[in-house]
Amino acid sequence: MDPAAWRVKAKLTLRDVARRLGVASPMTVLRYERGEREAPNSVALRYERESGGQVTSEDLHRARQRFLRGQAKRAA
């Protein structure tokens, strides 16, 4: 599941998710959701645990790939 979709469905704020993941800034969570930053393995595992398995490392990887493809299109 898309990380942002899970957060909205779970009625959590970026700050809530940051606390659950042990991430200092809600903006970091937003960057993970958008794929602007690659989530470290430890964060990906926490996402999976906190979401009850709804957000997997593959979901975070897909978000990252979408972002990178968009960047490549803009550069071309």
PDB file of N, CA and C in Angstrom:
ATOM      1  N   MET A   1       0.843  -1.177   0.000  1.00  0.00           N
ATOM      2  CA  MET A   1       0.000   0.000   0.000  1.00  0.00           C
ATOM      3  C   MET A   1       0.893   1.246   0.000  1.00  0.00           C
ATOM      4  N   ASP A   2       0.443   2.237  -0.674  1.00  0.00           N
ATOM      5  CA  ASP A   2       1.152   3.505  -0.697  1.00  0.00           C
ATOM      6  C   ASP A   2       1.260   4.038   0.735  1.00  0.00           C
ATOM      7  N   PRO A   3       2.461   4.469   1.169  1.00  0.00           N
ATOM      8  CA  PRO A   3       2.625   4.935   2.554  1.00  0.00           C
ATOM      9  C   PRO A   3       1.705   6.104   2.909  1.00  0.00           C
ATOM     10  N   ALA A   4       1.529   7.051   2.014  1.00  0.00           N
ATOM     11  CA  ALA A   4       0.652   8.192   2.291  1.00  0.00           C
ATOM     12  C   ALA A   4      -0.798   7.741   2.407  1.00  0.00           C
ATOM     13  N   ALA A   5      -1.204   6.813   1.556  1.00  0.00           N
ATOM     14  CA  ALA A   5      -2.575   6.293   1.609  1.00  0.00           C
ATOM     15  C   ALA A   5      -2.822   5.585   2.935  1.00  0.00           C
ATOM     16  N   TRP A   6      -1.840   4.837   3.403  1.00  0.00           N
ATOM     17  CA  TRP A   6      -1.977   4.157   4.694  1.00  0.00           C
ATOM     18  C   TRP A   6      -2.126   5.183   5.812  1.00  0.00           C
ATOM     19  N   ARG A   7      -1.285   6.220   5.788  1.00  0.00           N
ATOM     20  CA  ARG A   7      -1.329   7.244   6.830  1.00  0.00           C
ATOM     21  C   ARG A   7      -2.701   7.911   6.883  1.00  0.00           C
ATOM     22  N   VAL A   8      -3.228   8.271   5.715  1.00  0.00           N
ATOM     23  CA  VAL A   8      -4.541   8.922   5.654  1.00  0.00           C
ATOM     24  C   VAL A   8      -5.630   7.959   6.129  1.00  0.00           C
ATOM     25  N   LYS A   9      -5.568   6.718   5.668  1.00  0.00           N
ATOM     26  CA  LYS A   9      -6.559   5.711   6.062  1.00  0.00           C
ATOM     27  C   LYS A   9      -6.538   5.481   7.573  1.00  0.00           C
ATOM     28  N   ALA A  10      -5.320   5.496   8.146  1.00  0.00           N
ATOM     29  CA  ALA A  10      -5.172   5.280   9.586  1.00  0.00           C
ATOM     30  C   ALA A  10      -5.451   6.550  10.397  1.00  0.00           C
ATOM     31  N   LYS A  11      -5.748   7.662   9.695  1.00  0.00           N
ATOM     32  CA  LYS A  11      -6.042   8.948  10.331  1.00  0.00           C
ATOM     33  C   LYS A  11      -4.889   9.416  11.212  1.00  0.00           C
ATOM     34  N   LEU A  12      -3.681   9.296  10.652  1.00  0.00           N
ATOM     35  CA  LEU A  12      -2.478   9.728  11.344  1.00  0.00           C
ATOM     36  C   LEU A  12      -1.899  10.961  10.659  1.00  0.00           C
ATOM     37  N   THR A  13      -1.266  11.801  11.431  1.00  0.00           N
ATOM     38  CA  THR A  13      -0.565  12.944  10.859  1.00  0.00           C
ATOM     39  C   THR A  13       0.869  12.544  10.544  1.00  0.00           C
ATOM     40  N   LEU A  14       1.549  13.388   9.796  1.00  0.00           N
ATOM     41  CA  LEU A  14       2.965  13.143   9.531  1.00  0.00           C
ATOM     42  C   LEU A  14       3.734  13.078  10.848  1.00  0.00           C
ATOM     43  N   ARG A  15       3.370  13.933  11.786  1.00  0.00           N
ATOM     44  CA  ARG A  15       4.029  13.939  13.104  1.00  0.00           C
ATOM     45  C   ARG A  15       3.796  12.616  13.834  1.00  0.00           C
ATOM     46  N   ASP A  16       2.564  12.090  13.765  1.00  0.00           N
ATOM     47  CA  ASP A  16       2.260  10.799  14.398  1.00  0.00           C
ATOM     48  C   ASP A  16       3.151   9.701  13.833  1.00  0.00           C
ATOM     49  N   VAL A  17       3.239   9.667  12.516  1.00  0.00           N
ATOM     50  CA  VAL A  17       4.034   8.617  11.863  1.00  0.00           C
ATOM     51  C   VAL A  17       5.512   8.795  12.201  1.00  0.00           C
ATOM     52  N   ALA A  18       5.985  10.031  12.217  1.00  0.00           N
ATOM     53  CA  ALA A  18       7.387  10.278  12.566  1.00  0.00           C
ATOM     54  C   ALA A  18       7.698   9.723  13.952  1.00  0.00           C
ATOM     55  N   ARG A  19       6.811   9.970  14.891  1.00  0.00           N
ATOM     56  CA  ARG A  19       7.015   9.448  16.256  1.00  0.00           C
ATOM     57  C   ARG A  19       7.041   7.925  16.261  1.00  0.00           C
ATOM     58  N   ARG A  20       6.097   7.327  15.547  1.00  0.00           N
ATOM     59  CA  ARG A  20       6.025   5.854  15.519  1.00  0.00           C
ATOM     60  C   ARG A  20       7.264   5.233  14.866  1.00  0.00           C
ATOM     61  N   LEU A  21       7.795   5.935  13.871  1.00  0.00           N
ATOM     62  CA  LEU A  21       8.964   5.397  13.159  1.00  0.00           C
ATOM     63  C   LEU A  21      10.272   5.758  13.844  1.00  0.00           C
ATOM     64  N   GLY A  22      10.222   6.663  14.805  1.00  0.00           N
ATOM     65  CA  GLY A  22      11.446   7.110  15.453  1.00  0.00           C
ATOM     66  C   GLY A  22      12.252   8.054  14.570  1.00  0.00           C
ATOM     67  N   VAL A  23      11.531   8.802  13.711  1.00  0.00           N
ATOM     68  CA  VAL A  23      12.152   9.753  12.796  1.00  0.00           C
ATOM     69  C   VAL A  23      11.994  11.145  13.404  1.00  0.00           C
ATOM     70  N   ALA A  24      13.041  11.958  13.328  1.00  0.00           N
ATOM     71  CA  ALA A  24      13.052  13.264  13.992  1.00  0.00           C
ATOM     72  C   ALA A  24      12.043  14.252  13.411  1.00  0.00           C
ATOM     73  N   SER A  25      11.843  14.217  12.102  1.00  0.00           N
ATOM     74  CA  SER A  25      11.050  15.262  11.463  1.00  0.00           C
ATOM     75  C   SER A  25       9.882  14.690  10.646  1.00  0.00           C
ATOM     76  N   PRO A  26       8.707  15.298  10.777  1.00  0.00           N
ATOM     77  CA  PRO A  26       7.587  14.905   9.921  1.00  0.00           C
ATOM     78  C   PRO A  26       7.911  15.108   8.437  1.00  0.00           C
ATOM     79  N   MET A  27       8.748  16.090   8.119  1.00  0.00           N
ATOM     80  CA  MET A  27       9.133  16.317   6.717  1.00  0.00           C
ATOM     81  C   MET A  27       9.906  15.126   6.158  1.00  0.00           C
ATOM     82  N   THR A  28      10.658  14.446   6.991  1.00  0.00           N
ATOM     83  CA  THR A  28      11.369  13.246   6.542  1.00  0.00           C
ATOM     84  C   THR A  28      10.374  12.172   6.139  1.00  0.00           C
ATOM     85  N   VAL A  29       9.317  12.027   6.926  1.00  0.00           N
ATOM     86  CA  VAL A  29       8.263  11.054   6.593  1.00  0.00           C
ATOM     87  C   VAL A  29       7.635  11.422   5.248  1.00  0.00           C
ATOM     88  N   LEU A  30       7.351  12.701   5.058  1.00  0.00           N
ATOM     89  CA  LEU A  30       6.778  13.153   3.786  1.00  0.00           C
ATOM     90  C   LEU A  30       7.712  12.820   2.625  1.00  0.00           C
ATOM     91  N   ARG A  31       8.994  12.998   2.820  1.00  0.00           N
ATOM     92  CA  ARG A  31       9.967  12.684   1.761  1.00  0.00           C
ATOM     93  C   ARG A  31      10.021  11.182   1.479  1.00  0.00           C
ATOM     94  N   TYR A  32       9.850  10.347   2.511  1.00  0.00           N
ATOM     95  CA  TYR A  32       9.760   8.903   2.282  1.00  0.00           C
ATOM     96  C   TYR A  32       8.508   8.585   1.473  1.00  0.00           C
ATOM     97  N   GLU A  33       7.381   9.191   1.856  1.00  0.00           N
ATOM     98  CA  GLU A  33       6.115   8.939   1.151  1.00  0.00           C
ATOM     99  C   GLU A  33       6.203   9.332  -0.317  1.00  0.00           C
ATOM    100  N   ARG A  34       6.817  10.454  -0.593  1.00  0.00           N
ATOM    101  CA  ARG A  34       6.950  10.938  -1.970  1.00  0.00           C
ATOM    102  C   ARG A  34       8.072  10.248  -2.734  1.00  0.00           C
ATOM    103  N   GLY A  35       8.932   9.533  -2.031  1.00  0.00           N
ATOM    104  CA  GLY A  35      10.058   8.878  -2.678  1.00  0.00           C
ATOM    105  C   GLY A  35      11.250   9.798  -2.866  1.00  0.00           C
ATOM    106  N   GLU A  36      11.201  10.976  -2.279  1.00  0.00           N
ATOM    107  CA  GLU A  36      12.305  11.923  -2.407  1.00  0.00           C
ATOM    108  C   GLU A  36      13.538  11.451  -1.644  1.00  0.00           C
ATOM    109  N   ARG A  37      13.306  10.662  -0.615  1.00  0.00           N
ATOM    110  CA  ARG A  37      14.399  10.069   0.162  1.00  0.00           C
ATOM    111  C   ARG A  37      14.174   8.567   0.237  1.00  0.00           C
ATOM    112  N   GLU A  38      15.264   7.844   0.209  1.00  0.00           N
ATOM    113  CA  GLU A  38      15.175   6.396   0.368  1.00  0.00           C
ATOM    114  C   GLU A  38      15.138   6.073   1.853  1.00  0.00           C
ATOM    115  N   ALA A  39      14.153   5.313   2.258  1.00  0.00           N
ATOM    116  CA  ALA A  39      14.026   4.937   3.665  1.00  0.00           C
ATOM    117  C   ALA A  39      15.074   3.879   4.010  1.00  0.00           C
ATOM    118  N   PRO A  40      15.823   4.092   5.083  1.00  0.00           N
ATOM    119  CA  PRO A  40      16.767   3.055   5.520  1.00  0.00           C
ATOM    120  C   PRO A  40      16.012   1.774   5.889  1.00  0.00           C
ATOM    121  N   ASN A  41      16.704   0.669   5.876  1.00  0.00           N
ATOM    122  CA  ASN A  41      16.063  -0.618   6.190  1.00  0.00           C
ATOM    123  C   ASN A  41      15.380  -0.592   7.546  1.00  0.00           C
ATOM    124  N   SER A  42      16.006   0.042   8.533  1.00  0.00           N
ATOM    125  CA  SER A  42      15.410   0.075   9.876  1.00  0.00           C
ATOM    126  C   SER A  42      14.062   0.805   9.852  1.00  0.00           C
ATOM    127  N   VAL A  43      13.960   1.870   9.082  1.00  0.00           N
ATOM    128  CA  VAL A  43      12.702   2.618   8.973  1.00  0.00           C
ATOM    129  C   VAL A  43      11.673   1.803   8.190  1.00  0.00           C
ATOM    130  N   ALA A  44      12.107   1.149   7.127  1.00  0.00           N
ATOM    131  CA  ALA A  44      11.188   0.320   6.337  1.00  0.00           C
ATOM    132  C   ALA A  44      10.590  -0.789   7.203  1.00  0.00           C
ATOM    133  N   LEU A  45      11.410  -1.387   8.044  1.00  0.00           N
ATOM    134  CA  LEU A  45      10.907  -2.444   8.936  1.00  0.00           C
ATOM    135  C   LEU A  45       9.921  -1.880   9.953  1.00  0.00           C
ATOM    136  N   ARG A  46      10.180  -0.678  10.468  1.00  0.00           N
ATOM    137  CA  ARG A  46       9.252  -0.051  11.407  1.00  0.00           C
ATOM    138  C   ARG A  46       7.933   0.299  10.718  1.00  0.00           C
ATOM    139  N   TYR A  47       8.029   0.784   9.467  1.00  0.00           N
ATOM    140  CA  TYR A  47       6.802   1.069   8.699  1.00  0.00           C
ATOM    141  C   TYR A  47       5.946  -0.185   8.624  1.00  0.00           C
ATOM    142  N   GLU A  48       6.586  -1.292   8.276  1.00  0.00           N
ATOM    143  CA  GLU A  48       5.837  -2.542   8.135  1.00  0.00           C
ATOM    144  C   GLU A  48       5.200  -2.947   9.460  1.00  0.00           C
ATOM    145  N   ARG A  49       5.949  -2.837  10.541  1.00  0.00           N
ATOM    146  CA  ARG A  49       5.427  -3.213  11.853  1.00  0.00           C
ATOM    147  C   ARG A  49       4.296  -2.274  12.277  1.00  0.00           C
ATOM    148  N   GLU A  50       4.506  -0.972  12.141  1.00  0.00           N
ATOM    149  CA  GLU A  50       3.501   0.001  12.581  1.00  0.00           C
ATOM    150  C   GLU A  50       2.229  -0.039  11.743  1.00  0.00           C
ATOM    151  N   SER A  51       2.363  -0.414  10.480  1.00  0.00           N
ATOM    152  CA  SER A  51       1.188  -0.469   9.604  1.00  0.00           C
ATOM    153  C   SER A  51       0.523  -1.839   9.610  1.00  0.00           C
ATOM    154  N   GLY A  52       1.013  -2.726  10.429  1.00  0.00           N
ATOM    155  CA  GLY A  52       0.442  -4.074  10.463  1.00  0.00           C
ATOM    156  C   GLY A  52       0.673  -4.822   9.166  1.00  0.00           C
ATOM    157  N   GLY A  53       1.783  -4.488   8.494  1.00  0.00           N
ATOM    158  CA  GLY A  53       2.136  -5.156   7.246  1.00  0.00           C
ATOM    159  C   GLY A  53       1.520  -4.523   6.009  1.00  0.00           C
ATOM    160  N   GLN A  54       0.774  -3.448   6.178  1.00  0.00           N
ATOM    161  CA  GLN A  54       0.130  -2.815   5.028  1.00  0.00           C
ATOM    162  C   GLN A  54       1.118  -2.029   4.163  1.00  0.00           C
ATOM    163  N   VAL A  55       2.149  -1.457   4.787  1.00  0.00           N
ATOM    164  CA  VAL A  55       3.207  -0.757   4.046  1.00  0.00           C
ATOM    165  C   VAL A  55       4.466  -1.599   4.154  1.00  0.00           C
ATOM    166  N   THR A  56       4.971  -2.047   3.024  1.00  0.00           N
ATOM    167  CA  THR A  56       6.160  -2.895   3.012  1.00  0.00           C
ATOM    168  C   THR A  56       7.357  -2.132   2.453  1.00  0.00           C
ATOM    169  N   SER A  57       8.511  -2.738   2.567  1.00  0.00           N
ATOM    170  CA  SER A  57       9.708  -2.115   1.995  1.00  0.00           C
ATOM    171  C   SER A  57       9.555  -1.988   0.482  1.00  0.00           C
ATOM    172  N   GLU A  58       8.841  -2.907  -0.137  1.00  0.00           N
ATOM    173  CA  GLU A  58       8.597  -2.821  -1.572  1.00  0.00           C
ATOM    174  C   GLU A  58       7.749  -1.595  -1.918  1.00  0.00           C
ATOM    175  N   ASP A  59       6.795  -1.268  -1.058  1.00  0.00           N
ATOM    176  CA  ASP A  59       5.969  -0.077  -1.276  1.00  0.00           C
ATOM    177  C   ASP A  59       6.827   1.187  -1.221  1.00  0.00           C
ATOM    178  N   LEU A  60       7.727   1.250  -0.255  1.00  0.00           N
ATOM    179  CA  LEU A  60       8.621   2.398  -0.142  1.00  0.00           C
ATOM    180  C   LEU A  60       9.556   2.460  -1.343  1.00  0.00           C
ATOM    181  N   HIS A  61      10.002   1.307  -1.799  1.00  0.00           N
ATOM    182  CA  HIS A  61      10.887   1.242  -2.968  1.00  0.00           C
ATOM    183  C   HIS A  61      10.144   1.732  -4.223  1.00  0.00           C
ATOM    184  N   ARG A  62       8.894   1.335  -4.372  1.00  0.00           N
ATOM    185  CA  ARG A  62       8.096   1.792  -5.522  1.00  0.00           C
ATOM    186  C   ARG A  62       7.926   3.311  -5.509  1.00  0.00           C
ATOM    187  N   ALA A  63       7.696   3.870  -4.325  1.00  0.00           N
ATOM    188  CA  ALA A  63       7.570   5.327  -4.220  1.00  0.00           C
ATOM    189  C   ALA A  63       8.867   5.990  -4.664  1.00  0.00           C
ATOM    190  N   ARG A  64       9.993   5.421  -4.260  1.00  0.00           N
ATOM    191  CA  ARG A  64      11.302   5.969  -4.646  1.00  0.00           C
ATOM    192  C   ARG A  64      11.494   5.871  -6.152  1.00  0.00           C
ATOM    193  N   GLN A  65      11.131   4.752  -6.739  1.00  0.00           N
ATOM    194  CA  GLN A  65      11.292   4.563  -8.179  1.00  0.00           C
ATOM    195  C   GLN A  65      10.421   5.542  -8.967  1.00  0.00           C
ATOM    196  N   ARG A  66       9.187   5.760  -8.518  1.00  0.00           N
ATOM    197  CA  ARG A  66       8.312   6.737  -9.184  1.00  0.00           C
ATOM    198  C   ARG A  66       8.940   8.122  -9.164  1.00  0.00           C
ATOM    199  N   PHE A  67       9.480   8.502  -8.019  1.00  0.00           N
ATOM    200  CA  PHE A  67      10.115   9.806  -7.897  1.00  0.00           C
ATOM    201  C   PHE A  67      11.308   9.919  -8.843  1.00  0.00           C
ATOM    202  N   LEU A  68      12.154   8.898  -8.862  1.00  0.00           N
ATOM    203  CA  LEU A  68      13.353   8.945  -9.707  1.00  0.00           C
ATOM    204  C   LEU A  68      12.995   8.976 -11.192  1.00  0.00           C
ATOM    205  N   ARG A  69      11.968   8.233 -11.595  1.00  0.00           N
ATOM    206  CA  ARG A  69      11.521   8.275 -12.988  1.00  0.00           C
ATOM    207  C   ARG A  69      11.030   9.673 -13.348  1.00  0.00           C
ATOM    208  N   GLY A  70      10.299  10.295 -12.443  1.00  0.00           N
ATOM    209  CA  GLY A  70       9.823  11.649 -12.683  1.00  0.00           C
ATOM    210  C   GLY A  70      10.966  12.628 -12.824  1.00  0.00           C
ATOM    211  N   GLN A  71      12.011  12.471 -12.021  1.00  0.00           N
ATOM    212  CA  GLN A  71      13.183  13.321 -12.111  1.00  0.00           C
ATOM    213  C   GLN A  71      13.894  13.131 -13.460  1.00  0.00           C
ATOM    214  N   ALA A  72      13.981  11.891 -13.899  1.00  0.00           N
ATOM    215  CA  ALA A  72      14.666  11.594 -15.168  1.00  0.00           C
ATOM    216  C   ALA A  72      13.903  12.205 -16.335  1.00  0.00           C
ATOM    217  N   LYS A  73      12.577  12.169 -16.274  1.00  0.00           N
ATOM    218  CA  LYS A  73      11.758  12.758 -17.356  1.00  0.00           C
ATOM    219  C   LYS A  73      11.961  14.269 -17.413  1.00  0.00           C
ATOM    220  N   ARG A  74      12.045  14.900 -16.255  1.00  0.00           N
ATOM    221  CA  ARG A  74      12.245  16.356 -16.230  1.00  0.00           C
ATOM    222  C   ARG A  74      13.615  16.743 -16.758  1.00  0.00           C
ATOM    223  N   ALA A  75      14.602  15.886 -16.548  1.00  0.00           N
ATOM    224  CA  ALA A  75      15.968  16.185 -16.982  1.00  0.00           C
ATOM    225  C   ALA A  75      16.136  15.969 -18.479  1.00  0.00           C
ATOM    226  N   ALA A  76      15.273  15.145 -19.062  1.00  0.00           N
ATOM    227  CA  ALA A  76      15.412  14.815 -20.502  1.00  0.00           C
ATOM    228  C   ALA A  76      14.921  15.903 -21.406  1.00  0.00           C
TER     229      ALA A  76
END
